[in-house]
Amino acid sequence: MTVRTILVVDDSPTDRHIISSILTRSGYQVGVAENGEEGVIKAREIWPDLVLMDVVMPGINGYQATRILARDDATRHIPVILCTTKDQQTDKIWGLRQGARDYITKPVVAAELLQKITGLD
């Protein structure tokens, strides 16, 4: 699987900008969503190759949105990497149980993020 298009789902404009900039500079096409609900809708509209999902968001949180995408036959093939400030082992385990493929903590380190993305190929 070659990752070309990435959907960044994060309620923080600063984090969306930082992550999008890293990805754009690395040659990826980037879409953005401001919350979990919008992320699920956009994933079904643009069919990204990967979703980078924040966890702590108003409304549908990242765990819930990941679970929705992972259980939907139409979107279950889209890998999700949770990208969050929640750094406890239990947070990571819970995220992976919801269907996330991987987990990265903020603040995002560009090299680590890009390594996780290329690791999906």
PDB file of N, CA and C in Angstrom:
ATOM      1  N   MET A   1       0.834  -1.184   0.000  1.00  0.00           N
ATOM      2  CA  MET A   1       0.000   0.000   0.000  1.00  0.00           C
ATOM      3  C   MET A   1       0.881   1.251   0.000  1.00  0.00           C
ATOM      4  N   THR A   2       0.650   2.116  -0.937  1.00  0.00           N
ATOM      5  CA  THR A   2       1.398   3.363  -1.000  1.00  0.00           C
ATOM      6  C   THR A   2       0.523   4.492  -0.473  1.00  0.00           C
ATOM      7  N   VAL A   3       1.026   5.193   0.519  1.00  0.00           N
ATOM      8  CA  VAL A   3       0.285   6.307   1.106  1.00  0.00           C
ATOM      9  C   VAL A   3       0.569   7.562   0.311  1.00  0.00           C
ATOM     10  N   ARG A   4      -0.483   8.159  -0.243  1.00  0.00           N
ATOM     11  CA  ARG A   4      -0.345   9.412  -0.985  1.00  0.00           C
ATOM     12  C   ARG A   4      -1.205  10.519  -0.377  1.00  0.00           C
ATOM     13  N   THR A   5      -2.413  10.144   0.061  1.00  0.00           N
ATOM     14  CA  THR A   5      -3.364  11.117   0.597  1.00  0.00           C
ATOM     15  C   THR A   5      -3.605  10.816   2.068  1.00  0.00           C
ATOM     16  N   ILE A   6      -3.472  11.852   2.909  1.00  0.00           N
ATOM     17  CA  ILE A   6      -3.623  11.683   4.352  1.00  0.00           C
ATOM     18  C   ILE A   6      -4.648  12.685   4.865  1.00  0.00           C
ATOM     19  N   LEU A   7      -5.575  12.187   5.664  1.00  0.00           N
ATOM     20  CA  LEU A   7      -6.563  13.039   6.323  1.00  0.00           C
ATOM     21  C   LEU A   7      -6.101  13.286   7.753  1.00  0.00           C
ATOM     22  N   VAL A   8      -5.933  14.562   8.102  1.00  0.00           N
ATOM     23  CA  VAL A   8      -5.527  14.957   9.455  1.00  0.00           C
ATOM     24  C   VAL A   8      -6.777  15.416  10.199  1.00  0.00           C
ATOM     25  N   VAL A   9      -7.123  14.723  11.273  1.00  0.00           N
ATOM     26  CA  VAL A   9      -8.304  15.048  12.074  1.00  0.00           C
ATOM     27  C   VAL A   9      -7.837  15.541  13.435  1.00  0.00           C
ATOM     28  N   ASP A  10      -8.022  16.833  13.684  1.00  0.00           N
ATOM     29  CA  ASP A  10      -7.539  17.426  14.932  1.00  0.00           C
ATOM     30  C   ASP A  10      -8.301  18.722  15.180  1.00  0.00           C
ATOM     31  N   ASP A  11      -8.736  18.942  16.410  1.00  0.00           N
ATOM     32  CA  ASP A  11      -9.489  20.165  16.720  1.00  0.00           C
ATOM     33  C   ASP A  11      -8.577  21.369  16.951  1.00  0.00           C
ATOM     34  N   SER A  12      -7.281  21.163  17.037  1.00  0.00           N
ATOM     35  CA  SER A  12      -6.339  22.267  17.254  1.00  0.00           C
ATOM     36  C   SER A  12      -5.846  22.808  15.912  1.00  0.00           C
ATOM     37  N   PRO A  13      -6.149  24.069  15.602  1.00  0.00           N
ATOM     38  CA  PRO A  13      -5.645  24.648  14.349  1.00  0.00           C
ATOM     39  C   PRO A  13      -4.119  24.608  14.270  1.00  0.00           C
ATOM     40  N   THR A  14      -3.450  24.799  15.400  1.00  0.00           N
ATOM     41  CA  THR A  14      -1.989  24.774  15.422  1.00  0.00           C
ATOM     42  C   THR A  14      -1.476  23.382  15.065  1.00  0.00           C
ATOM     43  N   ASP A  15      -2.027  22.343  15.698  1.00  0.00           N
ATOM     44  CA  ASP A  15      -1.578  20.977  15.404  1.00  0.00           C
ATOM     45  C   ASP A  15      -1.907  20.582  13.968  1.00  0.00           C
ATOM     46  N   ARG A  16      -3.090  20.967  13.478  1.00  0.00           N
ATOM     47  CA  ARG A  16      -3.436  20.679  12.076  1.00  0.00           C
ATOM     48  C   ARG A  16      -2.413  21.307  11.146  1.00  0.00           C
ATOM     49  N   HIS A  17      -2.037  22.555  11.441  1.00  0.00           N
ATOM     50  CA  HIS A  17      -1.075  23.262  10.590  1.00  0.00           C
ATOM     51  C   HIS A  17       0.301  22.600  10.639  1.00  0.00           C
ATOM     52  N   ILE A  18       0.775  22.290  11.827  1.00  0.00           N
ATOM     53  CA  ILE A  18       2.105  21.677  11.976  1.00  0.00           C
ATOM     54  C   ILE A  18       2.156  20.334  11.253  1.00  0.00           C
ATOM     55  N   ILE A  19       1.182  19.480  11.517  1.00  0.00           N
ATOM     56  CA  ILE A  19       1.173  18.145  10.912  1.00  0.00           C
ATOM     57  C   ILE A  19       0.997  18.246   9.399  1.00  0.00           C
ATOM     58  N   SER A  20       0.083  19.088   8.955  1.00  0.00           N
ATOM     59  CA  SER A  20      -0.142  19.265   7.511  1.00  0.00           C
ATOM     60  C   SER A  20       1.110  19.767   6.814  1.00  0.00           C
ATOM     61  N   SER A  21       1.828  20.686   7.457  1.00  0.00           N
ATOM     62  CA  SER A  21       3.063  21.217   6.868  1.00  0.00           C
ATOM     63  C   SER A  21       4.124  20.134   6.726  1.00  0.00           C
ATOM     64  N   ILE A  22       4.280  19.316   7.744  1.00  0.00           N
ATOM     65  CA  ILE A  22       5.242  18.205   7.687  1.00  0.00           C
ATOM     66  C   ILE A  22       4.897  17.291   6.507  1.00  0.00           C
ATOM     67  N   LEU A  23       3.626  16.964   6.398  1.00  0.00           N
ATOM     68  CA  LEU A  23       3.189  16.030   5.361  1.00  0.00           C
ATOM     69  C   LEU A  23       3.308  16.630   3.967  1.00  0.00           C
ATOM     70  N   THR A  24       2.908  17.883   3.825  1.00  0.00           N
ATOM     71  CA  THR A  24       2.965  18.547   2.518  1.00  0.00           C
ATOM     72  C   THR A  24       4.412  18.660   2.039  1.00  0.00           C
ATOM     73  N   ARG A  25       5.303  19.039   2.940  1.00  0.00           N
ATOM     74  CA  ARG A  25       6.730  19.139   2.582  1.00  0.00           C
ATOM     75  C   ARG A  25       7.297  17.783   2.166  1.00  0.00           C
ATOM     76  N   SER A  26       6.690  16.718   2.648  1.00  0.00           N
ATOM     77  CA  SER A  26       7.165  15.372   2.321  1.00  0.00           C
ATOM     78  C   SER A  26       6.461  14.793   1.096  1.00  0.00           C
ATOM     79  N   GLY A  27       5.620  15.601   0.447  1.00  0.00           N
ATOM     80  CA  GLY A  27       5.010  15.186  -0.812  1.00  0.00           C
ATOM     81  C   GLY A  27       3.636  14.554  -0.719  1.00  0.00           C
ATOM     82  N   TYR A  28       3.030  14.557   0.455  1.00  0.00           N
ATOM     83  CA  TYR A  28       1.701  13.966   0.605  1.00  0.00           C
ATOM     84  C   TYR A  28       0.612  14.992   0.281  1.00  0.00           C
ATOM     85  N   GLN A  29      -0.510  14.499  -0.225  1.00  0.00           N
ATOM     86  CA  GLN A  29      -1.717  15.313  -0.366  1.00  0.00           C
ATOM     87  C   GLN A  29      -2.410  15.261   0.992  1.00  0.00           C
ATOM     88  N   VAL A  30      -2.877  16.399   1.477  1.00  0.00           N
ATOM     89  CA  VAL A  30      -3.426  16.460   2.835  1.00  0.00           C
ATOM     90  C   VAL A  30      -4.825  17.045   2.825  1.00  0.00           C
ATOM     91  N   GLY A  31      -5.732  16.352   3.518  1.00  0.00           N
ATOM     92  CA  GLY A  31      -7.057  16.882   3.812  1.00  0.00           C
ATOM     93  C   GLY A  31      -7.135  17.084   5.306  1.00  0.00           C
ATOM     94  N   VAL A  32      -8.023  17.970   5.753  1.00  0.00           N
ATOM     95  CA  VAL A  32      -8.146  18.215   7.193  1.00  0.00           C
ATOM     96  C   VAL A  32      -9.598  18.162   7.632  1.00  0.00           C
ATOM     97  N   ALA A  33      -9.776  17.806   8.887  1.00  0.00           N
ATOM     98  CA  ALA A  33     -11.073  17.821   9.542  1.00  0.00           C
ATOM     99  C   ALA A  33     -10.859  18.333  10.960  1.00  0.00           C
ATOM    100  N   GLU A  34     -11.852  19.063  11.485  1.00  0.00           N
ATOM    101  CA  GLU A  34     -11.703  19.721  12.784  1.00  0.00           C
ATOM    102  C   GLU A  34     -12.224  18.924  13.970  1.00  0.00           C
ATOM    103  N   ASN A  35     -12.881  17.798  13.721  1.00  0.00           N
ATOM    104  CA  ASN A  35     -13.387  16.973  14.815  1.00  0.00           C
ATOM    105  C   ASN A  35     -13.656  15.567  14.299  1.00  0.00           C
ATOM    106  N   GLY A  36     -14.002  14.674  15.210  1.00  0.00           N
ATOM    107  CA  GLY A  36     -14.215  13.275  14.853  1.00  0.00           C
ATOM    108  C   GLY A  36     -15.338  13.066  13.868  1.00  0.00           C
ATOM    109  N   GLU A  37     -16.447  13.761  14.068  1.00  0.00           N
ATOM    110  CA  GLU A  37     -17.587  13.598  13.168  1.00  0.00           C
ATOM    111  C   GLU A  37     -17.223  14.029  11.747  1.00  0.00           C
ATOM    112  N   GLU A  38     -16.586  15.196  11.634  1.00  0.00           N
ATOM    113  CA  GLU A  38     -16.168  15.673  10.317  1.00  0.00           C
ATOM    114  C   GLU A  38     -15.124  14.727   9.712  1.00  0.00           C
ATOM    115  N   GLY A  39     -14.274  14.160  10.560  1.00  0.00           N
ATOM    116  CA  GLY A  39     -13.268  13.213  10.090  1.00  0.00           C
ATOM    117  C   GLY A  39     -13.882  11.981   9.459  1.00  0.00           C
ATOM    118  N   VAL A  40     -14.922  11.438  10.088  1.00  0.00           N
ATOM    119  CA  VAL A  40     -15.603  10.268   9.542  1.00  0.00           C
ATOM    120  C   VAL A  40     -16.251  10.620   8.204  1.00  0.00           C
ATOM    121  N   ILE A  41     -16.903  11.769   8.148  1.00  0.00           N
ATOM    122  CA  ILE A  41     -17.559  12.203   6.906  1.00  0.00           C
ATOM    123  C   ILE A  41     -16.534  12.394   5.794  1.00  0.00           C
ATOM    124  N   LYS A  42     -15.441  13.100   6.096  1.00  0.00           N
ATOM    125  CA  LYS A  42     -14.416  13.357   5.069  1.00  0.00           C
ATOM    126  C   LYS A  42     -13.724  12.075   4.627  1.00  0.00           C
ATOM    127  N   ALA A  43     -13.522  11.142   5.548  1.00  0.00           N
ATOM    128  CA  ALA A  43     -12.903   9.867   5.164  1.00  0.00           C
ATOM    129  C   ALA A  43     -13.767   9.155   4.130  1.00  0.00           C
ATOM    130  N   ARG A  44     -15.077   9.281   4.254  1.00  0.00           N
ATOM    131  CA  ARG A  44     -16.003   8.646   3.305  1.00  0.00           C
ATOM    132  C   ARG A  44     -16.119   9.446   2.004  1.00  0.00           C
ATOM    133  N   GLU A  45     -15.703  10.699   2.022  1.00  0.00           N
ATOM    134  CA  GLU A  45     -15.761  11.534   0.821  1.00  0.00           C
ATOM    135  C   GLU A  45     -14.480  11.459  -0.007  1.00  0.00           C
ATOM    136  N   ILE A  46     -13.324  11.564   0.666  1.00  0.00           N
ATOM    137  CA  ILE A  46     -12.064  11.667  -0.090  1.00  0.00           C
ATOM    138  C   ILE A  46     -11.284  10.347  -0.152  1.00  0.00           C
ATOM    139  N   TRP A  47     -11.687   9.344   0.602  1.00  0.00           N
ATOM    140  CA  TRP A  47     -11.043   8.032   0.630  1.00  0.00           C
ATOM    141  C   TRP A  47      -9.517   8.161   0.759  1.00  0.00           C
ATOM    142  N   PRO A  48      -9.041   8.707   1.886  1.00  0.00           N
ATOM    143  CA  PRO A  48      -7.595   8.858   2.068  1.00  0.00           C
ATOM    144  C   PRO A  48      -6.909   7.505   2.201  1.00  0.00           C
ATOM    145  N   ASP A  49      -5.612   7.512   2.009  1.00  0.00           N
ATOM    146  CA  ASP A  49      -4.818   6.299   2.203  1.00  0.00           C
ATOM    147  C   ASP A  49      -4.482   6.091   3.672  1.00  0.00           C
ATOM    148  N   LEU A  50      -4.644   7.159   4.476  1.00  0.00           N
ATOM    149  CA  LEU A  50      -4.318   7.119   5.901  1.00  0.00           C
ATOM    150  C   LEU A  50      -5.068   8.240   6.606  1.00  0.00           C
ATOM    151  N   VAL A  51      -5.480   7.974   7.849  1.00  0.00           N
ATOM    152  CA  VAL A  51      -6.062   9.011   8.703  1.00  0.00           C
ATOM    153  C   VAL A  51      -5.159   9.172   9.926  1.00  0.00           C
ATOM    154  N   LEU A  52      -4.754  10.420  10.195  1.00  0.00           N
ATOM    155  CA  LEU A  52      -4.057  10.755  11.438  1.00  0.00           C
ATOM    156  C   LEU A  52      -5.100  11.374  12.353  1.00  0.00           C
ATOM    157  N   MET A  53      -5.403  10.725  13.454  1.00  0.00           N
ATOM    158  CA  MET A  53      -6.545  11.071  14.294  1.00  0.00           C
ATOM    159  C   MET A  53      -6.127  11.499  15.692  1.00  0.00           C
ATOM    160  N   ASP A  54      -6.508  12.721  16.062  1.00  0.00           N
ATOM    161  CA  ASP A  54      -6.353  13.165  17.444  1.00  0.00           C
ATOM    162  C   ASP A  54      -7.338  12.374  18.293  1.00  0.00           C
ATOM    163  N   VAL A  55      -7.144  12.333  19.587  1.00  0.00           N
ATOM    164  CA  VAL A  55      -8.065  11.623  20.481  1.00  0.00           C
ATOM    165  C   VAL A  55      -8.998  12.590  21.194  1.00  0.00           C
ATOM    166  N   VAL A  56      -8.443  13.597  21.845  1.00  0.00           N
ATOM    167  CA  VAL A  56      -9.249  14.508  22.669  1.00  0.00           C
ATOM    168  C   VAL A  56      -9.835  15.602  21.777  1.00  0.00           C
ATOM    169  N   MET A  57     -11.119  15.422  21.445  1.00  0.00           N
ATOM    170  CA  MET A  57     -11.837  16.383  20.603  1.00  0.00           C
ATOM    171  C   MET A  57     -13.268  16.465  21.103  1.00  0.00           C
ATOM    172  N   PRO A  58     -13.931  17.598  20.878  1.00  0.00           N
ATOM    173  CA  PRO A  58     -15.338  17.712  21.282  1.00  0.00           C
ATOM    174  C   PRO A  58     -16.229  16.827  20.407  1.00  0.00           C
ATOM    175  N   GLY A  59     -17.365  16.440  20.951  1.00  0.00           N
ATOM    176  CA  GLY A  59     -18.284  15.582  20.186  1.00  0.00           C
ATOM    177  C   GLY A  59     -17.731  14.177  20.115  1.00  0.00           C
ATOM    178  N   ILE A  60     -17.672  13.638  18.921  1.00  0.00           N
ATOM    179  CA  ILE A  60     -17.106  12.299  18.718  1.00  0.00           C
ATOM    180  C   ILE A  60     -15.593  12.398  18.899  1.00  0.00           C
ATOM    181  N   ASN A  61     -15.057  11.711  19.911  1.00  0.00           N
ATOM    182  CA  ASN A  61     -13.610  11.773  20.125  1.00  0.00           C
ATOM    183  C   ASN A  61     -12.889  10.834  19.156  1.00  0.00           C
ATOM    184  N   GLY A  62     -11.567  10.878  19.190  1.00  0.00           N
ATOM    185  CA  GLY A  62     -10.780  10.092  18.252  1.00  0.00           C
ATOM    186  C   GLY A  62     -10.935   8.596  18.403  1.00  0.00           C
ATOM    187  N   TYR A  63     -11.116   8.119  19.625  1.00  0.00           N
ATOM    188  CA  TYR A  63     -11.348   6.687  19.819  1.00  0.00           C
ATOM    189  C   TYR A  63     -12.654   6.277  19.147  1.00  0.00           C
ATOM    190  N   GLN A  64     -13.700   7.072  19.365  1.00  0.00           N
ATOM    191  CA  GLN A  64     -15.001   6.758  18.776  1.00  0.00           C
ATOM    192  C   GLN A  64     -14.954   6.818  17.253  1.00  0.00           C
ATOM    193  N   ALA A  65     -14.322   7.861  16.710  1.00  0.00           N
ATOM    194  CA  ALA A  65     -14.236   8.002  15.253  1.00  0.00           C
ATOM    195  C   ALA A  65     -13.424   6.854  14.650  1.00  0.00           C
ATOM    196  N   THR A  66     -12.354   6.464  15.314  1.00  0.00           N
ATOM    197  CA  THR A  66     -11.546   5.333  14.842  1.00  0.00           C
ATOM    198  C   THR A  66     -12.378   4.067  14.830  1.00  0.00           C
ATOM    199  N   ARG A  67     -13.142   3.838  15.885  1.00  0.00           N
ATOM    200  CA  ARG A  67     -14.000   2.649  15.964  1.00  0.00           C
ATOM    201  C   ARG A  67     -15.029   2.652  14.832  1.00  0.00           C
ATOM    202  N   ILE A  68     -15.625   3.814  14.543  1.00  0.00           N
ATOM    203  CA  ILE A  68     -16.605   3.917  13.456  1.00  0.00           C
ATOM    204  C   ILE A  68     -15.951   3.547  12.132  1.00  0.00           C
ATOM    205  N   LEU A  69     -14.783   4.107  11.851  1.00  0.00           N
ATOM    206  CA  LEU A  69     -14.098   3.818  10.585  1.00  0.00           C
ATOM    207  C   LEU A  69     -13.675   2.351  10.500  1.00  0.00           C
ATOM    208  N   ALA A  70     -13.190   1.796  11.607  1.00  0.00           N
ATOM    209  CA  ALA A  70     -12.694   0.417  11.606  1.00  0.00           C
ATOM    210  C   ALA A  70     -13.812  -0.613  11.464  1.00  0.00           C
ATOM    211  N   ARG A  71     -15.013  -0.269  11.882  1.00  0.00           N
ATOM    212  CA  ARG A  71     -16.125  -1.227  11.827  1.00  0.00           C
ATOM    213  C   ARG A  71     -17.002  -1.081  10.592  1.00  0.00           C
ATOM    214  N   ASP A  72     -16.755  -0.053   9.806  1.00  0.00           N
ATOM    215  CA  ASP A  72     -17.539   0.190   8.598  1.00  0.00           C
ATOM    216  C   ASP A  72     -16.869  -0.535   7.427  1.00  0.00           C
ATOM    217  N   ASP A  73     -17.613  -1.404   6.752  1.00  0.00           N
ATOM    218  CA  ASP A  73     -17.046  -2.150   5.632  1.00  0.00           C
ATOM    219  C   ASP A  73     -16.431  -1.238   4.573  1.00  0.00           C
ATOM    220  N   ALA A  74     -16.988  -0.048   4.395  1.00  0.00           N
ATOM    221  CA  ALA A  74     -16.510   0.870   3.359  1.00  0.00           C
ATOM    222  C   ALA A  74     -15.187   1.532   3.729  1.00  0.00           C
ATOM    223  N   THR A  75     -14.894   1.663   5.034  1.00  0.00           N
ATOM    224  CA  THR A  75     -13.695   2.400   5.442  1.00  0.00           C
ATOM    225  C   THR A  75     -12.694   1.573   6.246  1.00  0.00           C
ATOM    226  N   ARG A  76     -13.012   0.349   6.544  1.00  0.00           N
ATOM    227  CA  ARG A  76     -12.133  -0.449   7.415  1.00  0.00           C
ATOM    228  C   ARG A  76     -10.740  -0.659   6.830  1.00  0.00           C
ATOM    229  N   HIS A  77     -10.591  -0.509   5.516  1.00  0.00           N
ATOM    230  CA  HIS A  77      -9.282  -0.683   4.876  1.00  0.00           C
ATOM    231  C   HIS A  77      -8.376   0.537   5.057  1.00  0.00           C
ATOM    232  N   ILE A  78      -8.938   1.661   5.519  1.00  0.00           N
ATOM    233  CA  ILE A  78      -8.151   2.881   5.698  1.00  0.00           C
ATOM    234  C   ILE A  78      -7.461   2.817   7.065  1.00  0.00           C
ATOM    235  N   PRO A  79      -6.135   2.767   7.092  1.00  0.00           N
ATOM    236  CA  PRO A  79      -5.458   2.706   8.387  1.00  0.00           C
ATOM    237  C   PRO A  79      -5.577   4.041   9.135  1.00  0.00           C
ATOM    238  N   VAL A  80      -5.651   3.932  10.451  1.00  0.00           N
ATOM    239  CA  VAL A  80      -5.706   5.106  11.319  1.00  0.00           C
ATOM    240  C   VAL A  80      -4.498   5.055  12.247  1.00  0.00           C
ATOM    241  N   ILE A  81      -3.792   6.178  12.327  1.00  0.00           N
ATOM    242  CA  ILE A  81      -2.745   6.342  13.334  1.00  0.00           C
ATOM    243  C   ILE A  81      -3.250   7.412  14.293  1.00  0.00           C
ATOM    244  N   LEU A  82      -3.376   7.056  15.556  1.00  0.00           N
ATOM    245  CA  LEU A  82      -3.779   8.035  16.557  1.00  0.00           C
ATOM    246  C   LEU A  82      -2.590   8.941  16.855  1.00  0.00           C
ATOM    247  N   CYS A  83      -2.862  10.227  16.925  1.00  0.00           N
ATOM    248  CA  CYS A  83      -1.824  11.240  17.116  1.00  0.00           C
ATOM    249  C   CYS A  83      -2.318  12.167  18.229  1.00  0.00           C
ATOM    250  N   THR A  84      -1.817  11.969  19.444  1.00  0.00           N
ATOM    251  CA  THR A  84      -2.446  12.574  20.614  1.00  0.00           C
ATOM    252  C   THR A  84      -1.460  12.916  21.720  1.00  0.00           C
ATOM    253  N   THR A  85      -1.907  13.746  22.644  1.00  0.00           N
ATOM    254  CA  THR A  85      -1.108  14.057  23.834  1.00  0.00           C
ATOM    255  C   THR A  85      -1.253  12.966  24.897  1.00  0.00           C
ATOM    256  N   LYS A  86      -2.241  12.098  24.757  1.00  0.00           N
ATOM    257  CA  LYS A  86      -2.455  11.027  25.739  1.00  0.00           C
ATOM    258  C   LYS A  86      -1.340   9.992  25.569  1.00  0.00           C
ATOM    259  N   ASP A  87      -0.468   9.908  26.586  1.00  0.00           N
ATOM    260  CA  ASP A  87       0.729   9.088  26.405  1.00  0.00           C
ATOM    261  C   ASP A  87       0.849   7.916  27.370  1.00  0.00           C
ATOM    262  N   GLN A  88      -0.234   7.558  28.014  1.00  0.00           N
ATOM    263  CA  GLN A  88      -0.189   6.398  28.902  1.00  0.00           C
ATOM    264  C   GLN A  88      -0.322   5.106  28.094  1.00  0.00           C
ATOM    265  N   GLN A  89       0.273   4.038  28.580  1.00  0.00           N
ATOM    266  CA  GLN A  89       0.197   2.749  27.894  1.00  0.00           C
ATOM    267  C   GLN A  89      -1.253   2.294  27.731  1.00  0.00           C
ATOM    268  N   THR A  90      -2.089   2.573  28.740  1.00  0.00           N
ATOM    269  CA  THR A  90      -3.498   2.180  28.640  1.00  0.00           C
ATOM    270  C   THR A  90      -4.205   2.941  27.520  1.00  0.00           C
ATOM    271  N   ASP A  91      -3.819   4.208  27.279  1.00  0.00           N
ATOM    272  CA  ASP A  91      -4.392   4.980  26.178  1.00  0.00           C
ATOM    273  C   ASP A  91      -4.045   4.321  24.843  1.00  0.00           C
ATOM    274  N   LYS A  92      -2.797   3.922  24.711  1.00  0.00           N
ATOM    275  CA  LYS A  92      -2.346   3.280  23.470  1.00  0.00           C
ATOM    276  C   LYS A  92      -3.070   1.956  23.254  1.00  0.00           C
ATOM    277  N   ILE A  93      -3.144   1.154  24.277  1.00  0.00           N
ATOM    278  CA  ILE A  93      -3.829  -0.146  24.170  1.00  0.00           C
ATOM    279  C   ILE A  93      -5.282   0.058  23.771  1.00  0.00           C
ATOM    280  N   TRP A  94      -5.954   1.007  24.420  1.00  0.00           N
ATOM    281  CA  TRP A  94      -7.355   1.275  24.110  1.00  0.00           C
ATOM    282  C   TRP A  94      -7.504   1.732  22.656  1.00  0.00           C
ATOM    283  N   GLY A  95      -6.608   2.599  22.199  1.00  0.00           N
ATOM    284  CA  GLY A  95      -6.657   3.078  20.819  1.00  0.00           C
ATOM    285  C   GLY A  95      -6.487   1.952  19.813  1.00  0.00           C
ATOM    286  N   LEU A  96      -5.553   1.063  20.075  1.00  0.00           N
ATOM    287  CA  LEU A  96      -5.347  -0.073  19.178  1.00  0.00           C
ATOM    288  C   LEU A  96      -6.543  -1.011  19.186  1.00  0.00           C
ATOM    289  N   ARG A  97      -7.188  -1.142  20.330  1.00  0.00           N
ATOM    290  CA  ARG A  97      -8.404  -1.969  20.408  1.00  0.00           C
ATOM    291  C   ARG A  97      -9.568  -1.370  19.618  1.00  0.00           C
ATOM    292  N   GLN A  98      -9.536  -0.060  19.432  1.00  0.00           N
ATOM    293  CA  GLN A  98     -10.603   0.593  18.667  1.00  0.00           C
ATOM    294  C   GLN A  98     -10.389   0.433  17.165  1.00  0.00           C
ATOM    295  N   GLY A  99      -9.214  -0.041  16.780  1.00  0.00           N
ATOM    296  CA  GLY A  99      -8.937  -0.276  15.371  1.00  0.00           C
ATOM    297  C   GLY A  99      -7.794   0.530  14.805  1.00  0.00           C
ATOM    298  N   ALA A 100      -7.134   1.337  15.629  1.00  0.00           N
ATOM    299  CA  ALA A 100      -5.990   2.105  15.139  1.00  0.00           C
ATOM    300  C   ALA A 100      -4.853   1.156  14.771  1.00  0.00           C
ATOM    301  N   ARG A 101      -4.118   1.528  13.759  1.00  0.00           N
ATOM    302  CA  ARG A 101      -2.984   0.724  13.307  1.00  0.00           C
ATOM    303  C   ARG A 101      -1.726   1.061  14.097  1.00  0.00           C
ATOM    304  N   ASP A 102      -1.639   2.316  14.564  1.00  0.00           N
ATOM    305  CA  ASP A 102      -0.453   2.745  15.305  1.00  0.00           C
ATOM    306  C   ASP A 102      -0.825   3.939  16.170  1.00  0.00           C
ATOM    307  N   TYR A 103       0.145   4.448  16.922  1.00  0.00           N
ATOM    308  CA  TYR A 103      -0.106   5.481  17.921  1.00  0.00           C
ATOM    309  C   TYR A 103       1.143   6.345  18.023  1.00  0.00           C
ATOM    310  N   ILE A 104       0.976   7.651  17.987  1.00  0.00           N
ATOM    311  CA  ILE A 104       2.103   8.568  18.120  1.00  0.00           C
ATOM    312  C   ILE A 104       1.679   9.689  19.064  1.00  0.00           C
ATOM    313  N   THR A 105       2.609  10.152  19.895  1.00  0.00           N
ATOM    314  CA  THR A 105       2.265  11.208  20.844  1.00  0.00           C
ATOM    315  C   THR A 105       2.763  12.568  20.360  1.00  0.00           C
ATOM    316  N   LYS A 106       2.035  13.586  20.810  1.00  0.00           N
ATOM    317  CA  LYS A 106       2.400  14.976  20.525  1.00  0.00           C
ATOM    318  C   LYS A 106       3.288  15.472  21.656  1.00  0.00           C
ATOM    319  N   PRO A 107       4.141  16.433  21.415  1.00  0.00           N
ATOM    320  CA  PRO A 107       4.323  17.113  20.137  1.00  0.00           C
ATOM    321  C   PRO A 107       4.941  16.162  19.107  1.00  0.00           C
ATOM    322  N   VAL A 108       4.458  16.278  17.876  1.00  0.00           N
ATOM    323  CA  VAL A 108       4.880  15.390  16.806  1.00  0.00           C
ATOM    324  C   VAL A 108       6.319  15.684  16.410  1.00  0.00           C
ATOM    325  N   VAL A 109       7.097  14.632  16.311  1.00  0.00           N
ATOM    326  CA  VAL A 109       8.457  14.713  15.786  1.00  0.00           C
ATOM    327  C   VAL A 109       8.359  14.256  14.329  1.00  0.00           C
ATOM    328  N   ALA A 110       8.748  15.133  13.414  1.00  0.00           N
ATOM    329  CA  ALA A 110       8.566  14.867  11.986  1.00  0.00           C
ATOM    330  C   ALA A 110       9.143  13.518  11.569  1.00  0.00           C
ATOM    331  N   ALA A 111      10.361  13.210  11.987  1.00  0.00           N
ATOM    332  CA  ALA A 111      11.011  11.960  11.574  1.00  0.00           C
ATOM    333  C   ALA A 111      10.224  10.739  12.066  1.00  0.00           C
ATOM    334  N   GLU A 112       9.721  10.803  13.290  1.00  0.00           N
ATOM    335  CA  GLU A 112       8.948   9.691  13.841  1.00  0.00           C
ATOM    336  C   GLU A 112       7.636   9.501  13.082  1.00  0.00           C
ATOM    337  N   LEU A 113       6.944  10.619  12.803  1.00  0.00           N
ATOM    338  CA  LEU A 113       5.689  10.562  12.072  1.00  0.00           C
ATOM    339  C   LEU A 113       5.900   9.964  10.678  1.00  0.00           C
ATOM    340  N   LEU A 114       6.892  10.462   9.974  1.00  0.00           N
ATOM    341  CA  LEU A 114       7.158   9.963   8.615  1.00  0.00           C
ATOM    342  C   LEU A 114       7.589   8.507   8.613  1.00  0.00           C
ATOM    343  N   GLN A 115       8.315   8.093   9.652  1.00  0.00           N
ATOM    344  CA  GLN A 115       8.722   6.688   9.759  1.00  0.00           C
ATOM    345  C   GLN A 115       7.498   5.780   9.943  1.00  0.00           C
ATOM    346  N   LYS A 116       6.558   6.212  10.769  1.00  0.00           N
ATOM    347  CA  LYS A 116       5.342   5.418  10.985  1.00  0.00           C
ATOM    348  C   LYS A 116       4.520   5.322   9.703  1.00  0.00           C
ATOM    349  N   ILE A 117       4.486   6.411   8.943  1.00  0.00           N
ATOM    350  CA  ILE A 117       3.731   6.412   7.685  1.00  0.00           C
ATOM    351  C   ILE A 117       4.394   5.468   6.678  1.00  0.00           C
ATOM    352  N   THR A 118       5.697   5.578   6.525  1.00  0.00           N
ATOM    353  CA  THR A 118       6.373   4.698   5.557  1.00  0.00           C
ATOM    354  C   THR A 118       6.354   3.246   6.028  1.00  0.00           C
ATOM    355  N   GLY A 119       6.221   3.031   7.322  1.00  0.00           N
ATOM    356  CA  GLY A 119       6.101   1.678   7.847  1.00  0.00           C
ATOM    357  C   GLY A 119       4.809   0.979   7.438  1.00  0.00           C
ATOM    358  N   LEU A 120       3.835   1.746   6.998  1.00  0.00           N
ATOM    359  CA  LEU A 120       2.574   1.161   6.530  1.00  0.00           C
ATOM    360  C   LEU A 120       2.708   0.588   5.129  1.00  0.00           C
ATOM    361  N   ASP A 121       3.696   1.076   4.365  1.00  0.00           N
ATOM    362  CA  ASP A 121       3.870   0.613   2.968  1.00  0.00           C
ATOM    363  C   ASP A 121       4.314  -0.821   2.903  1.00  0.00           C
TER     364      ASP A 121
END
